PDB file of all heavy atoms in Angstrom:
ATOM      1  N   GLN A   1      -6.127 -13.717  23.603  1.00  0.00           N
ATOM      2  CA  GLN A   1      -7.244 -14.544  24.059  1.00  0.00           C
ATOM      3  C   GLN A   1      -7.936 -13.886  25.235  1.00  0.00           C
ATOM      4  O   GLN A   1      -7.290 -13.349  26.136  1.00  0.00           O
ATOM      5  CB  GLN A   1      -6.742 -15.930  24.472  1.00  0.00           C
ATOM      6  CG  GLN A   1      -7.867 -16.893  24.827  1.00  0.00           C
ATOM      7  CD  GLN A   1      -7.371 -18.308  25.030  1.00  0.00           C
ATOM      8  OE1 GLN A   1      -6.179 -18.529  25.188  1.00  0.00           O
ATOM      9  NE2 GLN A   1      -8.283 -19.267  25.024  1.00  0.00           N
ATOM     10  N   CYS A   2      -9.248 -13.891  25.189  1.00  0.00           N
ATOM     11  CA  CYS A   2     -10.066 -13.516  26.345  1.00  0.00           C
ATOM     12  C   CYS A   2     -10.513 -14.791  27.047  1.00  0.00           C
ATOM     13  O   CYS A   2     -10.715 -15.831  26.403  1.00  0.00           O
ATOM     14  CB  CYS A   2     -11.299 -12.712  25.905  1.00  0.00           C
ATOM     15  SG  CYS A   2     -10.937 -11.063  25.286  1.00  0.00           S
ATOM     16  N   ARG A   3     -10.654 -14.698  28.356  1.00  0.00           N
ATOM     17  CA  ARG A   3     -11.140 -15.881  29.092  1.00  0.00           C
ATOM     18  C   ARG A   3     -12.516 -16.279  28.563  1.00  0.00           C
ATOM     19  O   ARG A   3     -13.379 -15.434  28.346  1.00  0.00           O
ATOM     20  CB  ARG A   3     -11.190 -15.578  30.593  1.00  0.00           C
ATOM     21  CG  ARG A   3     -11.509 -16.792  31.438  1.00  0.00           C
ATOM     22  CD  ARG A   3     -11.198 -16.548  32.898  1.00  0.00           C
ATOM     23  NE  ARG A   3      -9.782 -16.321  33.149  1.00  0.00           N
ATOM     24  CZ  ARG A   3      -8.862 -17.289  33.235  1.00  0.00           C
ATOM     25  NH1 ARG A   3      -9.214 -18.549  33.064  1.00  0.00           N
ATOM     26  NH2 ARG A   3      -7.600 -16.982  33.474  1.00  0.00           N
ATOM     27  N   ASN A   4     -12.683 -17.567  28.315  1.00  0.00           N
ATOM     28  CA  ASN A   4     -13.898 -18.141  27.723  1.00  0.00           C
ATOM     29  C   ASN A   4     -14.109 -17.711  26.275  1.00  0.00           C
ATOM     30  O   ASN A   4     -15.198 -17.861  25.722  1.00  0.00           O
ATOM     31  CB  ASN A   4     -15.139 -17.780  28.549  1.00  0.00           C
ATOM     32  CG  ASN A   4     -15.047 -18.242  29.984  1.00  0.00           C
ATOM     33  OD1 ASN A   4     -14.544 -19.333  30.252  1.00  0.00           O
ATOM     34  ND2 ASN A   4     -15.509 -17.421  30.918  1.00  0.00           N
ATOM     35  N   GLY A   5     -13.057 -17.172  25.656  1.00  0.00           N
ATOM     36  CA  GLY A   5     -13.148 -16.775  24.254  1.00  0.00           C
ATOM     37  C   GLY A   5     -12.149 -17.545  23.402  1.00  0.00           C
ATOM     38  O   GLY A   5     -11.282 -18.249  23.923  1.00  0.00           O
ATOM     39  N   PRO A   6     -12.247 -17.418  22.088  1.00  0.00           N
ATOM     40  CA  PRO A   6     -11.346 -18.152  21.202  1.00  0.00           C
ATOM     41  C   PRO A   6      -9.944 -17.554  21.191  1.00  0.00           C
ATOM     42  O   PRO A   6      -9.758 -16.352  21.439  1.00  0.00           O
ATOM     43  CB  PRO A   6     -12.009 -17.994  19.823  1.00  0.00           C
ATOM     44  CG  PRO A   6     -12.724 -16.673  19.923  1.00  0.00           C
ATOM     45  CD  PRO A   6     -13.210 -16.577  21.345  1.00  0.00           C
ATOM     46  N   LEU A   7      -8.966 -18.384  20.926  1.00  0.00           N
ATOM     47  CA  LEU A   7      -7.596 -17.931  20.719  1.00  0.00           C
ATOM     48  C   LEU A   7      -7.493 -17.391  19.295  1.00  0.00           C
ATOM     49  O   LEU A   7      -7.852 -18.067  18.336  1.00  0.00           O
ATOM     50  CB  LEU A   7      -6.615 -19.077  20.925  1.00  0.00           C
ATOM     51  CG  LEU A   7      -5.150 -18.760  20.645  1.00  0.00           C
ATOM     52  CD1 LEU A   7      -4.585 -17.822  21.698  1.00  0.00           C
ATOM     53  CD2 LEU A   7      -4.331 -20.051  20.596  1.00  0.00           C
ATOM     54  N   ILE A   8      -6.999 -16.160  19.157  1.00  0.00           N
ATOM     55  CA  ILE A   8      -6.871 -15.530  17.843  1.00  0.00           C
ATOM     56  C   ILE A   8      -5.388 -15.339  17.548  1.00  0.00           C
ATOM     57  O   ILE A   8      -4.647 -14.807  18.388  1.00  0.00           O
ATOM     58  CB  ILE A   8      -7.597 -14.180  17.801  1.00  0.00           C
ATOM     59  CG1 ILE A   8      -9.079 -14.363  18.126  1.00  0.00           C
ATOM     60  CG2 ILE A   8      -7.449 -13.524  16.438  1.00  0.00           C
ATOM     61  CD1 ILE A   8      -9.837 -13.062  18.285  1.00  0.00           C
ATOM     62  N   VAL A   9      -4.975 -15.771  16.373  1.00  0.00           N
ATOM     63  CA  VAL A   9      -3.561 -15.690  15.992  1.00  0.00           C
ATOM     64  C   VAL A   9      -3.422 -14.855  14.725  1.00  0.00           C
ATOM     65  O   VAL A   9      -4.135 -15.070  13.743  1.00  0.00           O
ATOM     66  CB  VAL A   9      -2.952 -17.091  15.778  1.00  0.00           C
ATOM     67  CG1 VAL A   9      -1.500 -16.985  15.326  1.00  0.00           C
ATOM     68  CG2 VAL A   9      -3.035 -17.907  17.063  1.00  0.00           C
ATOM     69  N   PHE A  10      -2.504 -13.905  14.776  1.00  0.00           N
ATOM     70  CA  PHE A  10      -2.134 -13.095  13.624  1.00  0.00           C
ATOM     71  C   PHE A  10      -0.663 -13.366  13.312  1.00  0.00           C
ATOM     72  O   PHE A  10       0.109 -13.732  14.204  1.00  0.00           O
ATOM     73  CB  PHE A  10      -2.296 -11.599  13.907  1.00  0.00           C
ATOM     74  CG  PHE A  10      -3.669 -11.183  14.329  1.00  0.00           C
ATOM     75  CD1 PHE A  10      -4.048 -11.226  15.663  1.00  0.00           C
ATOM     76  CD2 PHE A  10      -4.594 -10.733  13.402  1.00  0.00           C
ATOM     77  CE1 PHE A  10      -5.309 -10.833  16.068  1.00  0.00           C
ATOM     78  CE2 PHE A  10      -5.863 -10.335  13.794  1.00  0.00           C
ATOM     79  CZ  PHE A  10      -6.217 -10.387  15.126  1.00  0.00           C
ATOM     80  N   ALA A  11      -0.300 -13.179  12.059  1.00  0.00           N
ATOM     81  CA  ALA A  11       1.106 -13.272  11.678  1.00  0.00           C
ATOM     82  C   ALA A  11       1.368 -12.213  10.627  1.00  0.00           C
ATOM     83  O   ALA A  11       0.445 -11.607  10.070  1.00  0.00           O
ATOM     84  CB  ALA A  11       1.444 -14.666  11.161  1.00  0.00           C
ATOM     85  N   GLY A  12       2.640 -11.980  10.347  1.00  0.00           N
ATOM     86  CA  GLY A  12       2.924 -10.966   9.353  1.00  0.00           C
ATOM     87  C   GLY A  12       4.397 -10.809   9.054  1.00  0.00           C
ATOM     88  O   GLY A  12       5.262 -11.511   9.596  1.00  0.00           O
ATOM     89  N   ILE A  13       4.661  -9.848   8.179  1.00  0.00           N
ATOM     90  CA  ILE A  13       6.024  -9.473   7.801  1.00  0.00           C
ATOM     91  C   ILE A  13       6.061  -7.957   7.696  1.00  0.00           C
ATOM     92  O   ILE A  13       5.098  -7.331   7.236  1.00  0.00           O
ATOM     93  CB  ILE A  13       6.444 -10.156   6.479  1.00  0.00           C
ATOM     94  CG1 ILE A  13       7.897  -9.824   6.136  1.00  0.00           C
ATOM     95  CG2 ILE A  13       5.516  -9.786   5.334  1.00  0.00           C
ATOM     96  CD1 ILE A  13       8.443 -10.656   4.987  1.00  0.00           C
ATOM     97  N   LYS A  14       7.139  -7.364   8.167  1.00  0.00           N
ATOM     98  CA  LYS A  14       7.272  -5.915   8.101  1.00  0.00           C
ATOM     99  C   LYS A  14       8.696  -5.552   7.672  1.00  0.00           C
ATOM    100  O   LYS A  14       9.587  -6.408   7.641  1.00  0.00           O
ATOM    101  CB  LYS A  14       6.946  -5.272   9.449  1.00  0.00           C
ATOM    102  CG  LYS A  14       7.939  -5.581  10.560  1.00  0.00           C
ATOM    103  CD  LYS A  14       7.556  -4.856  11.841  1.00  0.00           C
ATOM    104  CE  LYS A  14       8.616  -5.031  12.917  1.00  0.00           C
ATOM    105  NZ  LYS A  14       8.295  -4.279  14.149  1.00  0.00           N
ATOM    106  N   ASP A  15       8.860  -4.279   7.315  1.00  0.00           N
ATOM    107  CA  ASP A  15      10.172  -3.767   6.883  1.00  0.00           C
ATOM    108  C   ASP A  15      10.713  -4.543   5.692  1.00  0.00           C
ATOM    109  O   ASP A  15      11.928  -4.737   5.562  1.00  0.00           O
ATOM    110  CB  ASP A  15      11.186  -3.810   8.041  1.00  0.00           C
ATOM    111  CG  ASP A  15      10.751  -2.968   9.230  1.00  0.00           C
ATOM    112  OD1 ASP A  15       9.884  -2.101   9.050  1.00  0.00           O
ATOM    113  OD2 ASP A  15      11.280  -3.190  10.325  1.00  0.00           O
ATOM    114  N   LEU A  16       9.809  -4.989   4.825  1.00  0.00           N
ATOM    115  CA  LEU A  16      10.208  -5.682   3.606  1.00  0.00           C
ATOM    116  C   LEU A  16      10.317  -4.644   2.481  1.00  0.00           C
ATOM    117  O   LEU A  16       9.304  -4.084   2.061  1.00  0.00           O
ATOM    118  CB  LEU A  16       9.187  -6.762   3.238  1.00  0.00           C
ATOM    119  CG  LEU A  16       9.455  -7.547   1.952  1.00  0.00           C
ATOM    120  CD1 LEU A  16      10.758  -8.323   2.054  1.00  0.00           C
ATOM    121  CD2 LEU A  16       8.292  -8.485   1.635  1.00  0.00           C
ATOM    122  N   LYS A  17      11.526  -4.369   2.020  1.00  0.00           N
ATOM    123  CA  LYS A  17      11.759  -3.341   1.007  1.00  0.00           C
ATOM    124  C   LYS A  17      11.784  -3.993  -0.378  1.00  0.00           C
ATOM    125  O   LYS A  17      12.556  -4.922  -0.616  1.00  0.00           O
ATOM    126  CB  LYS A  17      13.059  -2.597   1.288  1.00  0.00           C
ATOM    127  CG  LYS A  17      13.010  -1.802   2.584  1.00  0.00           C
ATOM    128  CD  LYS A  17      14.281  -1.022   2.831  1.00  0.00           C
ATOM    129  CE  LYS A  17      14.178  -0.206   4.115  1.00  0.00           C
ATOM    130  NZ  LYS A  17      15.415   0.573   4.380  1.00  0.00           N
ATOM    131  N   LEU A  18      10.928  -3.488  -1.253  1.00  0.00           N
ATOM    132  CA  LEU A  18      10.769  -4.053  -2.588  1.00  0.00           C
ATOM    133  C   LEU A  18      10.919  -2.964  -3.638  1.00  0.00           C
ATOM    134  O   LEU A  18      10.556  -1.806  -3.415  1.00  0.00           O
ATOM    135  CB  LEU A  18       9.388  -4.707  -2.731  1.00  0.00           C
ATOM    136  CG  LEU A  18       9.066  -5.856  -1.773  1.00  0.00           C
ATOM    137  CD1 LEU A  18       7.591  -6.229  -1.871  1.00  0.00           C
ATOM    138  CD2 LEU A  18       9.937  -7.061  -2.080  1.00  0.00           C
ATOM    139  N   MET A  19      11.443  -3.345  -4.813  1.00  0.00           N
ATOM    140  CA  MET A  19      11.608  -2.392  -5.904  1.00  0.00           C
ATOM    141  C   MET A  19      11.515  -3.122  -7.234  1.00  0.00           C
ATOM    142  O   MET A  19      12.001  -4.247  -7.373  1.00  0.00           O
ATOM    143  CB  MET A  19      12.972  -1.699  -5.821  1.00  0.00           C
ATOM    144  CG  MET A  19      13.290  -0.807  -7.034  1.00  0.00           C
ATOM    145  SD  MET A  19      15.013  -0.255  -7.103  1.00  0.00           S
ATOM    146  CE  MET A  19      15.014   0.937  -5.764  1.00  0.00           C
ATOM    147  N   LYS A  20      10.848  -2.482  -8.196  1.00  0.00           N
ATOM    148  CA  LYS A  20      10.988  -2.895  -9.586  1.00  0.00           C
ATOM    149  C   LYS A  20      11.210  -1.635 -10.418  1.00  0.00           C
ATOM    150  O   LYS A  20      10.605  -0.576 -10.151  1.00  0.00           O
ATOM    151  CB  LYS A  20       9.808  -3.717 -10.068  1.00  0.00           C
ATOM    152  CG  LYS A  20       8.445  -3.061 -10.099  1.00  0.00           C
ATOM    153  CD  LYS A  20       7.433  -4.079 -10.593  1.00  0.00           C
ATOM    154  CE  LYS A  20       6.041  -3.517 -10.747  1.00  0.00           C
ATOM    155  NZ  LYS A  20       5.076  -4.539 -11.239  1.00  0.00           N
ATOM    156  N   THR A  21      12.069  -1.724 -11.408  1.00  0.00           N
ATOM    157  CA  THR A  21      12.565  -0.536 -12.085  1.00  0.00           C
ATOM    158  C   THR A  21      11.759  -0.159 -13.318  1.00  0.00           C
ATOM    159  O   THR A  21      12.037   0.867 -13.944  1.00  0.00           O
ATOM    160  CB  THR A  21      14.038  -0.734 -12.480  1.00  0.00           C
ATOM    161  OG1 THR A  21      14.158  -1.933 -13.257  1.00  0.00           O
ATOM    162  CG2 THR A  21      14.909  -0.865 -11.235  1.00  0.00           C
ATOM    163  N   THR A  22      10.779  -0.963 -13.674  1.00  0.00           N
ATOM    164  CA  THR A  22       9.895  -0.639 -14.791  1.00  0.00           C
ATOM    165  C   THR A  22       8.585  -1.380 -14.595  1.00  0.00           C
ATOM    166  O   THR A  22       8.339  -1.951 -13.523  1.00  0.00           O
ATOM    167  CB  THR A  22      10.536  -0.996 -16.148  1.00  0.00           C
ATOM    168  OG1 THR A  22       9.729  -0.485 -17.214  1.00  0.00           O
ATOM    169  CG2 THR A  22      10.713  -2.497 -16.299  1.00  0.00           C
ATOM    170  N   GLN A  23       7.718  -1.379 -15.606  1.00  0.00           N
ATOM    171  CA  GLN A  23       6.406  -2.011 -15.519  1.00  0.00           C
ATOM    172  C   GLN A  23       5.578  -1.400 -14.397  1.00  0.00           C
ATOM    173  O   GLN A  23       4.859  -2.086 -13.672  1.00  0.00           O
ATOM    174  CB  GLN A  23       6.543  -3.530 -15.318  1.00  0.00           C
ATOM    175  CG  GLN A  23       6.990  -4.295 -16.565  1.00  0.00           C
ATOM    176  CD  GLN A  23       5.868  -4.422 -17.594  1.00  0.00           C
ATOM    177  OE1 GLN A  23       5.314  -3.444 -18.074  1.00  0.00           O
ATOM    178  NE2 GLN A  23       5.536  -5.647 -17.928  1.00  0.00           N
ATOM    179  N   SER A  24       5.684  -0.076 -14.270  1.00  0.00           N
ATOM    180  CA  SER A  24       4.875   0.647 -13.304  1.00  0.00           C
ATOM    181  C   SER A  24       4.610   2.037 -13.847  1.00  0.00           C
ATOM    182  O   SER A  24       5.472   2.646 -14.489  1.00  0.00           O
ATOM    183  CB  SER A  24       5.589   0.748 -11.949  1.00  0.00           C
ATOM    184  OG  SER A  24       4.889   1.607 -11.075  1.00  0.00           O
ATOM    185  N   GLY A  25       3.410   2.550 -13.584  1.00  0.00           N
ATOM    186  CA  GLY A  25       3.056   3.891 -14.013  1.00  0.00           C
ATOM    187  C   GLY A  25       1.960   4.459 -13.140  1.00  0.00           C
ATOM    188  O   GLY A  25       1.439   3.795 -12.234  1.00  0.00           O
ATOM    189  N   PHE A  26       1.593   5.712 -13.417  1.00  0.00           N
ATOM    190  CA  PHE A  26       0.486   6.344 -12.701  1.00  0.00           C
ATOM    191  C   PHE A  26      -0.106   7.397 -13.631  1.00  0.00           C
ATOM    192  O   PHE A  26       0.473   8.466 -13.847  1.00  0.00           O
ATOM    193  CB  PHE A  26       0.978   6.981 -11.401  1.00  0.00           C
ATOM    194  CG  PHE A  26      -0.138   7.487 -10.514  1.00  0.00           C
ATOM    195  CD1 PHE A  26      -1.230   6.688 -10.210  1.00  0.00           C
ATOM    196  CD2 PHE A  26      -0.084   8.765  -9.985  1.00  0.00           C
ATOM    197  CE1 PHE A  26      -2.249   7.147  -9.387  1.00  0.00           C
ATOM    198  CE2 PHE A  26      -1.100   9.242  -9.165  1.00  0.00           C
ATOM    199  CZ  PHE A  26      -2.185   8.431  -8.867  1.00  0.00           C
ATOM    200  N   GLU A  27      -1.268   7.071 -14.207  1.00  0.00           N
ATOM    201  CA  GLU A  27      -1.882   7.929 -15.219  1.00  0.00           C
ATOM    202  C   GLU A  27      -3.389   8.009 -14.974  1.00  0.00           C
ATOM    203  O   GLU A  27      -3.977   7.185 -14.273  1.00  0.00           O
ATOM    204  CB  GLU A  27      -1.638   7.356 -16.625  1.00  0.00           C
ATOM    205  CG  GLU A  27      -0.166   7.183 -16.993  1.00  0.00           C
ATOM    206  CD  GLU A  27      -0.001   6.495 -18.336  1.00  0.00           C
ATOM    207  OE1 GLU A  27      -0.036   5.246 -18.367  1.00  0.00           O
ATOM    208  OE2 GLU A  27       0.152   7.217 -19.344  1.00  0.00           O
ATOM    209  N   GLY A  28      -4.017   9.031 -15.572  1.00  0.00           N
ATOM    210  CA  GLY A  28      -5.463   9.164 -15.529  1.00  0.00           C
ATOM    211  C   GLY A  28      -6.018   9.559 -14.188  1.00  0.00           C
ATOM    212  O   GLY A  28      -7.217   9.367 -13.927  1.00  0.00           O
ATOM    213  N   PHE A  29      -5.199  10.117 -13.310  1.00  0.00           N
ATOM    214  CA  PHE A  29      -5.669  10.478 -11.984  1.00  0.00           C
ATOM    215  C   PHE A  29      -6.379  11.832 -12.013  1.00  0.00           C
ATOM    216  O   PHE A  29      -6.242  12.619 -12.955  1.00  0.00           O
ATOM    217  CB  PHE A  29      -4.506  10.506 -10.979  1.00  0.00           C
ATOM    218  CG  PHE A  29      -3.294  11.262 -11.447  1.00  0.00           C
ATOM    219  CD1 PHE A  29      -3.189  12.636 -11.298  1.00  0.00           C
ATOM    220  CD2 PHE A  29      -2.233  10.578 -12.052  1.00  0.00           C
ATOM    221  CE1 PHE A  29      -2.082  13.331 -11.726  1.00  0.00           C
ATOM    222  CE2 PHE A  29      -1.113  11.269 -12.483  1.00  0.00           C
ATOM    223  CZ  PHE A  29      -1.031  12.647 -12.329  1.00  0.00           C
ATOM    224  N   TYR A  30      -7.134  12.113 -10.953  1.00  0.00           N
ATOM    225  CA  TYR A  30      -7.900  13.354 -10.850  1.00  0.00           C
ATOM    226  C   TYR A  30      -6.950  14.554 -10.802  1.00  0.00           C
ATOM    227  O   TYR A  30      -5.929  14.537 -10.094  1.00  0.00           O
ATOM    228  CB  TYR A  30      -8.768  13.320  -9.598  1.00  0.00           C
ATOM    229  CG  TYR A  30      -9.566  14.580  -9.360  1.00  0.00           C
ATOM    230  CD1 TYR A  30     -10.802  14.766  -9.963  1.00  0.00           C
ATOM    231  CD2 TYR A  30      -9.066  15.585  -8.531  1.00  0.00           C
ATOM    232  CE1 TYR A  30     -11.534  15.925  -9.756  1.00  0.00           C
ATOM    233  CE2 TYR A  30      -9.790  16.738  -8.314  1.00  0.00           C
ATOM    234  CZ  TYR A  30     -11.022  16.915  -8.925  1.00  0.00           C
ATOM    235  OH  TYR A  30     -11.734  18.064  -8.712  1.00  0.00           O
ATOM    236  N   LYS A  31      -7.295  15.606 -11.514  1.00  0.00           N
ATOM    237  CA  LYS A  31      -6.450  16.801 -11.565  1.00  0.00           C
ATOM    238  C   LYS A  31      -7.307  18.044 -11.324  1.00  0.00           C
ATOM    239  O   LYS A  31      -8.453  18.112 -11.740  1.00  0.00           O
ATOM    240  CB  LYS A  31      -5.755  16.912 -12.923  1.00  0.00           C
ATOM    241  CG  LYS A  31      -4.920  15.703 -13.323  1.00  0.00           C
ATOM    242  CD  LYS A  31      -4.327  15.897 -14.708  1.00  0.00           C
ATOM    243  CE  LYS A  31      -3.611  14.643 -15.197  1.00  0.00           C
ATOM    244  NZ  LYS A  31      -4.537  13.537 -15.463  1.00  0.00           N
ATOM    245  N   ASN A  32      -6.707  19.012 -10.636  1.00  0.00           N
ATOM    246  CA  ASN A  32      -7.320  20.340 -10.504  1.00  0.00           C
ATOM    247  C   ASN A  32      -6.199  21.375 -10.450  1.00  0.00           C
ATOM    248  O   ASN A  32      -5.046  21.073 -10.790  1.00  0.00           O
ATOM    249  CB  ASN A  32      -8.242  20.418  -9.280  1.00  0.00           C
ATOM    250  CG  ASN A  32      -7.500  20.225  -7.966  1.00  0.00           C
ATOM    251  OD1 ASN A  32      -6.260  20.236  -7.929  1.00  0.00           O
ATOM    252  ND2 ASN A  32      -8.240  20.061  -6.896  1.00  0.00           N
ATOM    253  N   GLU A  33      -6.511  22.597 -10.009  1.00  0.00           N
ATOM    254  CA  GLU A  33      -5.527  23.676 -10.061  1.00  0.00           C
ATOM    255  C   GLU A  33      -4.353  23.457  -9.115  1.00  0.00           C
ATOM    256  O   GLU A  33      -3.318  24.138  -9.219  1.00  0.00           O
ATOM    257  CB  GLU A  33      -6.201  25.022  -9.733  1.00  0.00           C
ATOM    258  CG  GLU A  33      -6.709  25.172  -8.299  1.00  0.00           C
ATOM    259  CD  GLU A  33      -8.130  24.648  -8.118  1.00  0.00           C
ATOM    260  OE1 GLU A  33      -8.586  23.871  -8.989  1.00  0.00           O
ATOM    261  OE2 GLU A  33      -8.771  24.992  -7.113  1.00  0.00           O
ATOM    262  N   HIS A  34      -4.477  22.486  -8.177  1.00  0.00           N
ATOM    263  CA  HIS A  34      -3.390  22.218  -7.237  1.00  0.00           C
ATOM    264  C   HIS A  34      -2.502  21.055  -7.686  1.00  0.00           C
ATOM    265  O   HIS A  34      -1.553  20.702  -6.988  1.00  0.00           O
ATOM    266  CB  HIS A  34      -3.958  21.905  -5.854  1.00  0.00           C
ATOM    267  CG  HIS A  34      -4.823  22.989  -5.298  1.00  0.00           C
ATOM    268  ND1 HIS A  34      -4.360  24.254  -5.038  1.00  0.00           N
ATOM    269  CD2 HIS A  34      -6.142  23.002  -4.965  1.00  0.00           C
ATOM    270  CE1 HIS A  34      -5.339  25.000  -4.569  1.00  0.00           C
ATOM    271  NE2 HIS A  34      -6.441  24.261  -4.522  1.00  0.00           N
ATOM    272  N   THR A  35      -2.810  20.466  -8.819  1.00  0.00           N
ATOM    273  CA  THR A  35      -2.060  19.293  -9.272  1.00  0.00           C
ATOM    274  C   THR A  35      -0.825  19.720 -10.052  1.00  0.00           C
ATOM    275  O   THR A  35      -0.928  20.470 -11.030  1.00  0.00           O
ATOM    276  CB  THR A  35      -2.943  18.398 -10.158  1.00  0.00           C
ATOM    277  OG1 THR A  35      -4.115  18.029  -9.428  1.00  0.00           O
ATOM    278  CG2 THR A  35      -2.193  17.140 -10.581  1.00  0.00           C
ATOM    279  N   THR A  36       0.335  19.232  -9.609  1.00  0.00           N
ATOM    280  CA  THR A  36       1.585  19.484 -10.323  1.00  0.00           C
ATOM    281  C   THR A  36       2.263  18.196 -10.766  1.00  0.00           C
ATOM    282  O   THR A  36       3.227  18.235 -11.526  1.00  0.00           O
ATOM    283  CB  THR A  36       2.570  20.274  -9.443  1.00  0.00           C
ATOM    284  OG1 THR A  36       2.835  19.523  -8.246  1.00  0.00           O
ATOM    285  CG2 THR A  36       1.996  21.636  -9.069  1.00  0.00           C
ATOM    286  N   LEU A  37       1.751  17.066 -10.286  1.00  0.00           N
ATOM    287  CA  LEU A  37       2.377  15.782 -10.599  1.00  0.00           C
ATOM    288  C   LEU A  37       2.128  15.408 -12.056  1.00  0.00           C
ATOM    289  O   LEU A  37       0.983  15.365 -12.512  1.00  0.00           O
ATOM    290  CB  LEU A  37       1.799  14.684  -9.696  1.00  0.00           C
ATOM    291  CG  LEU A  37       2.398  13.287  -9.861  1.00  0.00           C
ATOM    292  CD1 LEU A  37       3.815  13.246  -9.309  1.00  0.00           C
ATOM    293  CD2 LEU A  37       1.531  12.241  -9.170  1.00  0.00           C
ATOM    294  N   PRO A  38       3.185  15.125 -12.824  1.00  0.00           N
ATOM    295  CA  PRO A  38       2.983  14.698 -14.209  1.00  0.00           C
ATOM    296  C   PRO A  38       2.573  13.234 -14.279  1.00  0.00           C
ATOM    297  O   PRO A  38       2.875  12.442 -13.376  1.00  0.00           O
ATOM    298  CB  PRO A  38       4.365  14.905 -14.832  1.00  0.00           C
ATOM    299  CG  PRO A  38       5.321  14.714 -13.694  1.00  0.00           C
ATOM    300  CD  PRO A  38       4.622  15.252 -12.478  1.00  0.00           C
ATOM    301  N   GLU A  39       1.878  12.868 -15.341  1.00  0.00           N
ATOM    302  CA  GLU A  39       1.554  11.459 -15.561  1.00  0.00           C
ATOM    303  C   GLU A  39       2.814  10.707 -15.975  1.00  0.00           C
ATOM    304  O   GLU A  39       3.666  11.242 -16.685  1.00  0.00           O
ATOM    305  CB  GLU A  39       0.470  11.323 -16.636  1.00  0.00           C
ATOM    306  CG  GLU A  39      -0.869  11.887 -16.213  1.00  0.00           C
ATOM    307  CD  GLU A  39      -2.007  11.402 -17.106  1.00  0.00           C
ATOM    308  OE1 GLU A  39      -1.721  10.735 -18.116  1.00  0.00           O
ATOM    309  OE2 GLU A  39      -3.182  11.672 -16.774  1.00  0.00           O
ATOM    310  N   ARG A  40       2.889   9.469 -15.541  1.00  0.00           N
ATOM    311  CA  ARG A  40       4.051   8.637 -15.879  1.00  0.00           C
ATOM    312  C   ARG A  40       3.565   7.261 -16.290  1.00  0.00           C
ATOM    313  O   ARG A  40       2.732   6.653 -15.607  1.00  0.00           O
ATOM    314  CB  ARG A  40       5.005   8.518 -14.686  1.00  0.00           C
ATOM    315  CG  ARG A  40       5.654   9.839 -14.263  1.00  0.00           C
ATOM    316  CD  ARG A  40       6.552   9.645 -13.059  1.00  0.00           C
ATOM    317  NE  ARG A  40       7.179  10.893 -12.647  1.00  0.00           N
ATOM    318  CZ  ARG A  40       7.958  11.025 -11.585  1.00  0.00           C
ATOM    319  NH1 ARG A  40       8.190   9.961 -10.814  1.00  0.00           N
ATOM    320  NH2 ARG A  40       8.493  12.185 -11.275  1.00  0.00           N
TER     321      ARG A  40
END
């Protein structure tokens, strides 16, 4: 808060580790001579 200004409130969560073992991929991305990552 600034004097004569509004009170601003933020909230959040951090260090939340998440995983799913399927239903995810990465395909159709931009490729050039430096690309070695295979599509999945």
